[in-house]
N, C-alpha and C. Protein backbone atom coordinates (compact mmCIF):
# COMPACT_ATOMS: atom_id res chain seq x y z
N MET A 1 0.73 -1.13 -0.16
CA MET A 1 0.10 -0.11 -0.13
C MET A 1 0.81 1.17 0.11
N ILE A 2 2.36 1.11 0.76
CA ILE A 2 3.08 2.42 0.93
C ILE A 2 3.59 2.74 -0.58
N LYS A 3 4.06 1.58 -0.95
CA LYS A 3 4.59 1.48 -2.91
C LYS A 3 3.31 2.38 -3.89
N ARG A 4 2.41 1.66 -3.78
CA ARG A 4 1.33 2.46 -4.44
C ARG A 4 1.02 4.11 -4.07
N PHE A 5 1.21 4.22 -2.94
CA PHE A 5 0.79 5.82 -2.66
C PHE A 5 2.48 6.31 -3.20
N ILE A 6 3.34 5.97 -2.97
CA ILE A 6 4.57 6.43 -3.35
C ILE A 6 4.59 6.77 -5.12
N GLN A 7 3.96 5.90 -5.65
CA GLN A 7 3.71 5.98 -7.11
C GLN A 7 2.69 7.02 -7.34
N PHE A 8 1.55 6.83 -6.61
CA PHE A 8 0.63 7.85 -7.02
C PHE A 8 1.46 9.28 -6.84
N LEU A 9 2.02 9.64 -5.51
CA LEU A 9 2.94 10.77 -5.44
C LEU A 9 3.76 11.41 -6.82
N LYS A 10 4.39 10.14 -7.04
CA LYS A 10 5.27 10.33 -8.19
C LYS A 10 4.72 10.86 -9.66
N GLU A 11 3.45 10.36 -10.02
CA GLU A 11 2.92 10.37 -11.19
C GLU A 11 2.09 11.80 -10.75
N VAL A 12 1.49 12.35 -9.72
CA VAL A 12 1.10 13.65 -9.16
C VAL A 12 1.94 14.49 -9.83
N ARG A 13 3.40 14.23 -9.47
CA ARG A 13 4.37 15.50 -9.45
C ARG A 13 4.89 15.26 -10.92
N ALA A 14 4.64 14.06 -11.73
CA ALA A 14 4.63 14.40 -13.21
C ALA A 14 3.77 15.37 -13.90
N ASP A 15 2.40 15.15 -13.79
CA ASP A 15 1.27 15.56 -13.97
C ASP A 15 1.84 16.69 -13.91
N PHE A 16 2.01 17.67 -12.68
CA PHE A 16 2.35 19.16 -12.29
C PHE A 16 2.82 19.83 -13.46
N HIS A 17 3.92 18.72 -13.54
CA HIS A 17 5.09 19.45 -14.46
C HIS A 17 4.49 19.63 -16.16
N LYS A 18 3.38 19.06 -16.40
CA LYS A 18 3.18 19.13 -17.41
C LYS A 18 1.88 20.23 -17.85
N VAL A 19 1.36 20.90 -16.66
CA VAL A 19 0.56 21.91 -16.38
C VAL A 19 1.19 22.70 -17.11
N THR A 20 0.08 23.77 -18.02
CA THR A 20 0.59 25.20 -18.34
C THR A 20 -0.14 26.08 -17.84
N TRP A 21 0.50 27.00 -16.96
CA TRP A 21 0.06 28.01 -16.13
C TRP A 21 -0.35 29.07 -17.23
N PRO A 22 -1.71 29.98 -16.78
CA PRO A 22 -1.81 31.12 -17.68
C PRO A 22 -0.94 32.20 -17.64
N LYS A 23 -1.05 33.10 -18.56
CA LYS A 23 -0.17 34.22 -18.15
C LYS A 23 -0.68 35.03 -17.37
N ARG A 24 -0.33 36.54 -16.87
CA ARG A 24 -0.89 37.24 -16.36
C ARG A 24 -1.98 37.90 -16.90
N LYS A 25 -1.72 38.25 -18.31
CA LYS A 25 -2.58 39.09 -19.19
C LYS A 25 -4.05 38.26 -19.43
N GLU A 26 -3.67 36.80 -19.53
CA GLU A 26 -4.74 35.92 -19.25
C GLU A 26 -5.77 35.88 -18.16
N VAL A 27 -5.16 36.07 -17.06
CA VAL A 27 -5.87 35.95 -15.96
C VAL A 27 -6.78 36.94 -15.91
N TYR A 28 -6.09 38.05 -15.89
CA TYR A 28 -6.52 39.80 -15.99
C TYR A 28 -7.57 39.88 -16.79
N GLY A 29 -7.72 39.41 -18.24
CA GLY A 29 -8.65 39.19 -18.89
C GLY A 29 -9.80 38.38 -18.67
N THR A 30 -9.63 37.27 -17.92
CA THR A 30 -10.72 36.58 -17.57
C THR A 30 -11.27 36.68 -16.31
N THR A 31 -10.54 37.54 -15.51
CA THR A 31 -11.11 38.17 -14.03
C THR A 31 -12.17 39.40 -14.71
N ILE A 32 -11.62 39.86 -15.64
CA ILE A 32 -12.61 41.26 -15.94
C ILE A 32 -14.28 40.50 -16.68
N VAL A 33 -14.11 39.85 -17.26
CA VAL A 33 -14.82 38.92 -17.92
C VAL A 33 -15.99 38.32 -17.08
N VAL A 34 -15.38 37.98 -16.12
CA VAL A 34 -16.12 37.09 -14.92
C VAL A 34 -16.94 38.51 -14.14
N ILE A 35 -16.46 39.54 -13.61
CA ILE A 35 -16.79 40.35 -13.10
C ILE A 35 -17.91 41.10 -13.85
N VAL A 36 -17.74 41.44 -15.12
CA VAL A 36 -18.60 42.21 -16.23
C VAL A 36 -20.10 41.19 -16.34
N THR A 37 -19.58 40.01 -16.32
CA THR A 37 -21.17 39.27 -16.74
C THR A 37 -21.76 39.00 -15.11
N CYS A 38 -21.11 39.07 -14.17
CA CYS A 38 -21.48 38.87 -13.00
C CYS A 38 -22.77 40.16 -13.01
N PHE A 39 -22.05 41.16 -13.18
CA PHE A 39 -22.67 42.82 -12.85
C PHE A 39 -23.98 42.63 -13.84
N VAL A 40 -23.61 42.04 -15.22
CA VAL A 40 -24.88 42.39 -16.01
C VAL A 40 -25.90 41.19 -15.90
N PHE A 41 -25.87 39.68 -15.15
CA PHE A 41 -26.63 38.80 -14.72
C PHE A 41 -27.26 39.56 -13.49
N GLY A 42 -26.69 40.13 -12.46
CA GLY A 42 -27.03 40.53 -11.47
C GLY A 42 -28.24 41.80 -11.85
N PHE A 43 -27.98 42.65 -12.56
CA PHE A 43 -28.72 43.56 -12.93
C PHE A 43 -29.91 43.09 -13.85
N PHE A 44 -29.84 41.95 -14.61
CA PHE A 44 -30.75 41.40 -15.49
C PHE A 44 -31.89 40.72 -14.43
N LEU A 45 -31.64 40.25 -13.14
CA LEU A 45 -32.37 39.28 -12.41
C LEU A 45 -32.72 40.37 -11.27
N TRP A 46 -32.46 41.54 -11.17
CA TRP A 46 -32.94 42.58 -10.19
C TRP A 46 -33.91 43.14 -11.02
N ALA A 47 -34.08 43.10 -12.52
CA ALA A 47 -35.00 43.95 -13.26
C ALA A 47 -36.01 42.67 -13.50
N VAL A 48 -35.78 41.50 -13.31
CA VAL A 48 -36.74 40.13 -13.54
C VAL A 48 -37.67 40.43 -12.19
N ASP A 49 -36.79 40.41 -10.97
CA ASP A 49 -37.54 40.61 -9.99
C ASP A 49 -38.54 41.65 -9.53
N ILE A 50 -37.87 43.16 -10.04
CA ILE A 50 -38.70 43.97 -9.51
C ILE A 50 -39.99 43.85 -10.64
N VAL A 51 -40.03 43.44 -11.74
CA VAL A 51 -41.22 43.07 -12.67
C VAL A 51 -42.22 42.09 -12.08
N MET A 52 -41.42 40.99 -11.93
CA MET A 52 -42.29 39.94 -11.40
C MET A 52 -43.04 40.13 -9.85
N GLY A 53 -42.50 40.72 -9.10
CA GLY A 53 -42.91 41.36 -8.34
C GLY A 53 -44.08 42.38 -8.54
N ARG A 54 -44.03 43.36 -9.31
CA ARG A 54 -45.07 44.22 -9.45
C ARG A 54 -46.63 43.47 -10.33
N ILE A 55 -45.85 42.39 -11.10
CA ILE A 55 -46.94 41.52 -11.61
C ILE A 55 -47.75 40.33 -10.45
N VAL A 56 -47.26 40.02 -9.56
CA VAL A 56 -47.99 39.40 -8.18
C VAL A 56 -48.57 40.76 -7.80
N THR A 57 -47.82 41.64 -7.16
CA THR A 57 -49.22 42.79 -6.54
C THR A 57 -50.12 43.23 -7.58
N TRP A 58 -50.10 43.49 -8.85
CA TRP A 58 -51.20 43.89 -9.34
C TRP A 58 -52.36 42.76 -9.64
N LEU A 59 -51.98 41.40 -9.77
CA LEU A 59 -52.66 40.17 -9.71
C LEU A 59 -53.45 40.21 -8.26
N TYR A 60 -52.59 40.40 -7.38
CA TYR A 60 -53.21 40.32 -5.96
C TYR A 60 -54.42 41.35 -5.87
N GLY A 61 -54.30 42.27 -6.24
CA GLY A 61 -55.27 43.69 -6.06
C GLY A 61 -56.14 43.01 -7.20
N TYR A 62 -56.14 42.62 -8.11
CA TYR A 62 -56.86 42.82 -9.04
C TYR A 62 -58.23 41.61 -8.58
N PHE A 63 -57.53 40.33 -8.12
CA PHE A 63 -58.27 39.25 -7.74
C PHE A 63 -58.79 39.34 -6.45
N SER A 64 -58.30 40.03 -5.27
CA SER A 64 -58.90 40.39 -4.43
C SER A 64 -60.23 41.29 -4.01
C-alpha cells in the first residue's frame, strides 16, 4: 500500500510538470470578463425581480 501511495505521488508530480499556467494578462482578462458578466446577470435578475413583484402585486389587487 505504501508503494502504491509513493507511485501515486510520483505520478502527481509528473502531471504537475505538464500543467501550463496562464500568463498574468490572460488571468486579468478572464477576471474582467467574469466580473462584468456577474454585474450583467445581477442587473438582469434584479430587473426580473422588480417586474415579477409588480405583476404579483397587480394580480393580488386585481383578484381580491
